[in-house]
């Protein structure tokens, strides 16, 4: 098992599309946040969490309270890459997802994180993480 697989046990393979790049053929910096969303949804699904069934149907939702990306090497048009995801800190109403964006050749291109905040959709106020979601997130921690 590689170090990346040990650090981030979940990976979702993608390929850079032309429209995700700038004039130099390098992935536009803001697209890493879109890549994080793709990885986040795939990882939630892997943990057995269905967004509509387990959140919306239970009267809760989440929003992103914070996002960061640190760039290390370029991803270019047509590169295959893995969006690696792991659960970070879990608090009362929020949790962190941590990401690594690795080219298929193993080169780490960026790392990032997002803070998800559970909200009550009717009040738009922070709410406690539901017990079943918390249990799934805890189970997904390395």
C-alpha atoms as a PDB file:
ATOM      1  CA  UNK A   1       0.000   0.000   0.000  1.00  0.00           C
ATOM      2  CA  UNK A   2       1.407   3.416  -0.946  1.00  0.00           C
ATOM      3  CA  UNK A   3       1.911   6.242   1.546  1.00  0.00           C
ATOM      4  CA  UNK A   4      -0.895   8.206  -0.148  1.00  0.00           C
ATOM      5  CA  UNK A   5      -3.286   5.272   0.257  1.00  0.00           C
ATOM      6  CA  UNK A   6      -2.369   4.981   3.930  1.00  0.00           C
ATOM      7  CA  UNK A   7      -2.784   8.722   4.554  1.00  0.00           C
ATOM      8  CA  UNK A   8      -5.980   8.997   2.501  1.00  0.00           C
ATOM      9  CA  UNK A   9      -7.715   5.611   2.290  1.00  0.00           C
ATOM     10  CA  UNK A  10     -10.365   6.810  -0.205  1.00  0.00           C
ATOM     11  CA  UNK A  11      -9.542   7.813  -3.794  1.00  0.00           C
ATOM     12  CA  UNK A  12     -11.757   8.798  -6.717  1.00  0.00           C
ATOM     13  CA  UNK A  13     -10.057   8.741 -10.153  1.00  0.00           C
ATOM     14  CA  UNK A  14     -10.735  11.565 -12.635  1.00  0.00           C
ATOM     15  CA  UNK A  15      -9.192  12.967 -15.821  1.00  0.00           C
ATOM     16  CA  UNK A  16      -8.553  16.677 -16.418  1.00  0.00           C
ATOM     17  CA  UNK A  17     -10.925  18.028 -19.059  1.00  0.00           C
ATOM     18  CA  UNK A  18      -9.946  20.796 -21.465  1.00  0.00           C
ATOM     19  CA  UNK A  19     -12.512  23.220 -20.002  1.00  0.00           C
ATOM     20  CA  UNK A  20     -10.895  22.891 -16.553  1.00  0.00           C
ATOM     21  CA  UNK A  21      -7.607  24.363 -17.772  1.00  0.00           C
ATOM     22  CA  UNK A  22      -6.291  27.848 -18.458  1.00  0.00           C
ATOM     23  CA  UNK A  23      -4.528  29.076 -21.593  1.00  0.00           C
ATOM     24  CA  UNK A  24      -1.354  27.216 -20.575  1.00  0.00           C
ATOM     25  CA  UNK A  25      -3.210  23.900 -20.306  1.00  0.00           C
ATOM     26  CA  UNK A  26      -2.864  23.896 -16.492  1.00  0.00           C
ATOM     27  CA  UNK A  27      -5.879  23.331 -14.236  1.00  0.00           C
ATOM     28  CA  UNK A  28      -7.330  26.696 -13.232  1.00  0.00           C
ATOM     29  CA  UNK A  29      -6.721  27.143  -9.496  1.00  0.00           C
ATOM     30  CA  UNK A  30     -10.391  27.481  -8.438  1.00  0.00           C
ATOM     31  CA  UNK A  31     -11.288  24.165 -10.070  1.00  0.00           C
ATOM     32  CA  UNK A  32      -9.633  22.308  -7.201  1.00  0.00           C
ATOM     33  CA  UNK A  33     -12.639  23.308  -5.080  1.00  0.00           C
ATOM     34  CA  UNK A  34     -14.908  21.692  -7.680  1.00  0.00           C
ATOM     35  CA  UNK A  35     -12.678  18.616  -7.592  1.00  0.00           C
ATOM     36  CA  UNK A  36     -13.044  18.599  -3.798  1.00  0.00           C
ATOM     37  CA  UNK A  37     -16.833  18.579  -4.202  1.00  0.00           C
ATOM     38  CA  UNK A  38     -16.642  15.594  -6.551  1.00  0.00           C
ATOM     39  CA  UNK A  39     -14.449  13.748  -4.035  1.00  0.00           C
ATOM     40  CA  UNK A  40     -16.615  14.771  -1.078  1.00  0.00           C
ATOM     41  CA  UNK A  41     -19.820  13.435  -2.646  1.00  0.00           C
ATOM     42  CA  UNK A  42     -18.109  10.207  -3.761  1.00  0.00           C
ATOM     43  CA  UNK A  43     -16.653   9.710  -0.270  1.00  0.00           C
ATOM     44  CA  UNK A  44     -19.992  10.333   1.454  1.00  0.00           C
ATOM     45  CA  UNK A  45     -21.500   7.730  -0.873  1.00  0.00           C
ATOM     46  CA  UNK A  46     -18.658   5.323   0.030  1.00  0.00           C
ATOM     47  CA  UNK A  47     -19.497   5.858   3.720  1.00  0.00           C
ATOM     48  CA  UNK A  48     -23.110   4.905   2.968  1.00  0.00           C
ATOM     49  CA  UNK A  49     -24.438   8.452   3.243  1.00  0.00           C
ATOM     50  CA  UNK A  50     -26.985   9.483   0.628  1.00  0.00           C
ATOM     51  CA  UNK A  51     -27.344  13.274   0.625  1.00  0.00           C
ATOM     52  CA  UNK A  52     -31.084  13.380  -0.170  1.00  0.00           C
ATOM     53  CA  UNK A  53     -32.063  10.393   2.011  1.00  0.00           C
ATOM     54  CA  UNK A  54     -29.832  10.963   5.029  1.00  0.00           C
ATOM     55  CA  UNK A  55     -29.705  14.754   5.217  1.00  0.00           C
ATOM     56  CA  UNK A  56     -32.440  16.570   3.301  1.00  0.00           C
ATOM     57  CA  UNK A  57     -35.180  14.025   4.158  1.00  0.00           C
ATOM     58  CA  UNK A  58     -34.239  14.397   7.844  1.00  0.00           C
ATOM     59  CA  UNK A  59     -34.541  18.186   7.802  1.00  0.00           C
ATOM     60  CA  UNK A  60     -30.828  19.013   7.791  1.00  0.00           C
ATOM     61  CA  UNK A  61     -28.339  20.188   5.232  1.00  0.00           C
ATOM     62  CA  UNK A  62     -24.744  21.360   5.247  1.00  0.00           C
ATOM     63  CA  UNK A  63     -22.864  24.281   3.841  1.00  0.00           C
ATOM     64  CA  UNK A  64     -19.168  24.943   3.426  1.00  0.00           C
ATOM     65  CA  UNK A  65     -17.889  27.254   6.144  1.00  0.00           C
ATOM     66  CA  UNK A  66     -14.263  27.326   5.038  1.00  0.00           C
ATOM     67  CA  UNK A  67     -12.152  26.043   2.159  1.00  0.00           C
ATOM     68  CA  UNK A  68      -8.446  26.077   1.437  1.00  0.00           C
ATOM     69  CA  UNK A  69      -6.097  24.699  -1.198  1.00  0.00           C
ATOM     70  CA  UNK A  70      -2.303  24.621  -1.241  1.00  0.00           C
ATOM     71  CA  UNK A  71      -0.802  24.049  -4.682  1.00  0.00           C
ATOM     72  CA  UNK A  72       2.354  21.982  -5.123  1.00  0.00           C
ATOM     73  CA  UNK A  73       2.605  20.881  -8.780  1.00  0.00           C
ATOM     74  CA  UNK A  74       0.459  21.411 -11.867  1.00  0.00           C
ATOM     75  CA  UNK A  75      -2.246  19.165 -13.199  1.00  0.00           C
ATOM     76  CA  UNK A  76      -2.569  19.518 -16.978  1.00  0.00           C
ATOM     77  CA  UNK A  77      -5.118  18.729 -19.636  1.00  0.00           C
ATOM     78  CA  UNK A  78      -5.777  14.975 -19.953  1.00  0.00           C
ATOM     79  CA  UNK A  79      -3.819  14.033 -16.800  1.00  0.00           C
ATOM     80  CA  UNK A  80      -5.421  11.285 -14.772  1.00  0.00           C
ATOM     81  CA  UNK A  81      -5.524  12.112 -11.078  1.00  0.00           C
ATOM     82  CA  UNK A  82      -6.956  10.877  -7.810  1.00  0.00           C
ATOM     83  CA  UNK A  83      -9.042  12.969  -5.462  1.00  0.00           C
ATOM     84  CA  UNK A  84      -8.110  11.499  -2.091  1.00  0.00           C
ATOM     85  CA  UNK A  85     -10.361  12.264   0.872  1.00  0.00           C
ATOM     86  CA  UNK A  86     -10.272  11.642   4.598  1.00  0.00           C
ATOM     87  CA  UNK A  87     -12.243  12.837   7.607  1.00  0.00           C
ATOM     88  CA  UNK A  88     -10.447  15.323   9.817  1.00  0.00           C
ATOM     89  CA  UNK A  89     -11.686  16.973  13.006  1.00  0.00           C
ATOM     90  CA  UNK A  90     -15.318  16.402  13.971  1.00  0.00           C
ATOM     91  CA  UNK A  91     -17.017  18.967  16.203  1.00  0.00           C
ATOM     92  CA  UNK A  92     -20.581  19.540  17.426  1.00  0.00           C
ATOM     93  CA  UNK A  93     -21.982  21.052  14.236  1.00  0.00           C
ATOM     94  CA  UNK A  94     -19.092  20.753  11.781  1.00  0.00           C
ATOM     95  CA  UNK A  95     -16.420  18.465  10.459  1.00  0.00           C
ATOM     96  CA  UNK A  96     -13.394  18.729   8.199  1.00  0.00           C
ATOM     97  CA  UNK A  97     -12.721  16.842   5.007  1.00  0.00           C
ATOM     98  CA  UNK A  98      -9.068  16.820   3.964  1.00  0.00           C
ATOM     99  CA  UNK A  99      -8.069  16.285   0.354  1.00  0.00           C
ATOM    100  CA  UNK A 100      -4.986  15.326  -1.621  1.00  0.00           C
ATOM    101  CA  UNK A 101      -4.962  15.735  -5.389  1.00  0.00           C
ATOM    102  CA  UNK A 102      -2.432  13.286  -6.824  1.00  0.00           C
ATOM    103  CA  UNK A 103      -1.531  12.670 -10.463  1.00  0.00           C
ATOM    104  CA  UNK A 104      -1.780   9.039 -11.497  1.00  0.00           C
ATOM    105  CA  UNK A 105       2.041   8.883 -11.474  1.00  0.00           C
ATOM    106  CA  UNK A 106       1.951   9.604  -7.730  1.00  0.00           C
ATOM    107  CA  UNK A 107       2.947  13.296  -7.872  1.00  0.00           C
ATOM    108  CA  UNK A 108       1.085  15.262  -5.201  1.00  0.00           C
ATOM    109  CA  UNK A 109      -0.326  18.327  -6.955  1.00  0.00           C
ATOM    110  CA  UNK A 110      -2.299  19.972  -4.161  1.00  0.00           C
ATOM    111  CA  UNK A 111      -3.741  19.473  -0.712  1.00  0.00           C
ATOM    112  CA  UNK A 112      -6.835  21.106   0.680  1.00  0.00           C
ATOM    113  CA  UNK A 113      -9.627  21.053   3.190  1.00  0.00           C
ATOM    114  CA  UNK A 114     -13.231  22.064   3.604  1.00  0.00           C
ATOM    115  CA  UNK A 115     -15.228  22.600   6.780  1.00  0.00           C
ATOM    116  CA  UNK A 116     -18.795  21.327   6.442  1.00  0.00           C
ATOM    117  CA  UNK A 117     -21.320  22.947   8.785  1.00  0.00           C
ATOM    118  CA  UNK A 118     -24.665  21.274   9.447  1.00  0.00           C
ATOM    119  CA  UNK A 119     -27.527  23.731   9.143  1.00  0.00           C
ATOM    120  CA  UNK A 120     -31.260  23.727   9.727  1.00  0.00           C
ATOM    121  CA  UNK A 121     -32.622  24.640   6.263  1.00  0.00           C
ATOM    122  CA  UNK A 122     -35.587  26.562   7.677  1.00  0.00           C
ATOM    123  CA  UNK A 123     -33.524  28.821   9.952  1.00  0.00           C
ATOM    124  CA  UNK A 124     -30.155  28.659   8.145  1.00  0.00           C
ATOM    125  CA  UNK A 125     -28.545  28.294  11.582  1.00  0.00           C
ATOM    126  CA  UNK A 126     -25.921  25.777  12.604  1.00  0.00           C
ATOM    127  CA  UNK A 127     -27.306  22.530  14.033  1.00  0.00           C
ATOM    128  CA  UNK A 128     -25.787  19.458  15.657  1.00  0.00           C
ATOM    129  CA  UNK A 129     -24.444  16.715  13.422  1.00  0.00           C
ATOM    130  CA  UNK A 130     -27.080  13.940  13.378  1.00  0.00           C
ATOM    131  CA  UNK A 131     -25.985  10.843  15.298  1.00  0.00           C
ATOM    132  CA  UNK A 132     -26.026   8.505  12.273  1.00  0.00           C
ATOM    133  CA  UNK A 133     -23.959  10.942  10.192  1.00  0.00           C
ATOM    134  CA  UNK A 134     -21.506  11.390  13.076  1.00  0.00           C
ATOM    135  CA  UNK A 135     -21.165   7.596  13.398  1.00  0.00           C
ATOM    136  CA  UNK A 136     -20.450   7.237   9.663  1.00  0.00           C
ATOM    137  CA  UNK A 137     -17.876  10.043   9.767  1.00  0.00           C
ATOM    138  CA  UNK A 138     -16.200   8.549  12.851  1.00  0.00           C
ATOM    139  CA  UNK A 139     -16.028   5.169  11.093  1.00  0.00           C
ATOM    140  CA  UNK A 140     -14.348   6.856   8.119  1.00  0.00           C
ATOM    141  CA  UNK A 141     -11.521   8.354  10.159  1.00  0.00           C
ATOM    142  CA  UNK A 142      -8.062   6.871   9.578  1.00  0.00           C
END
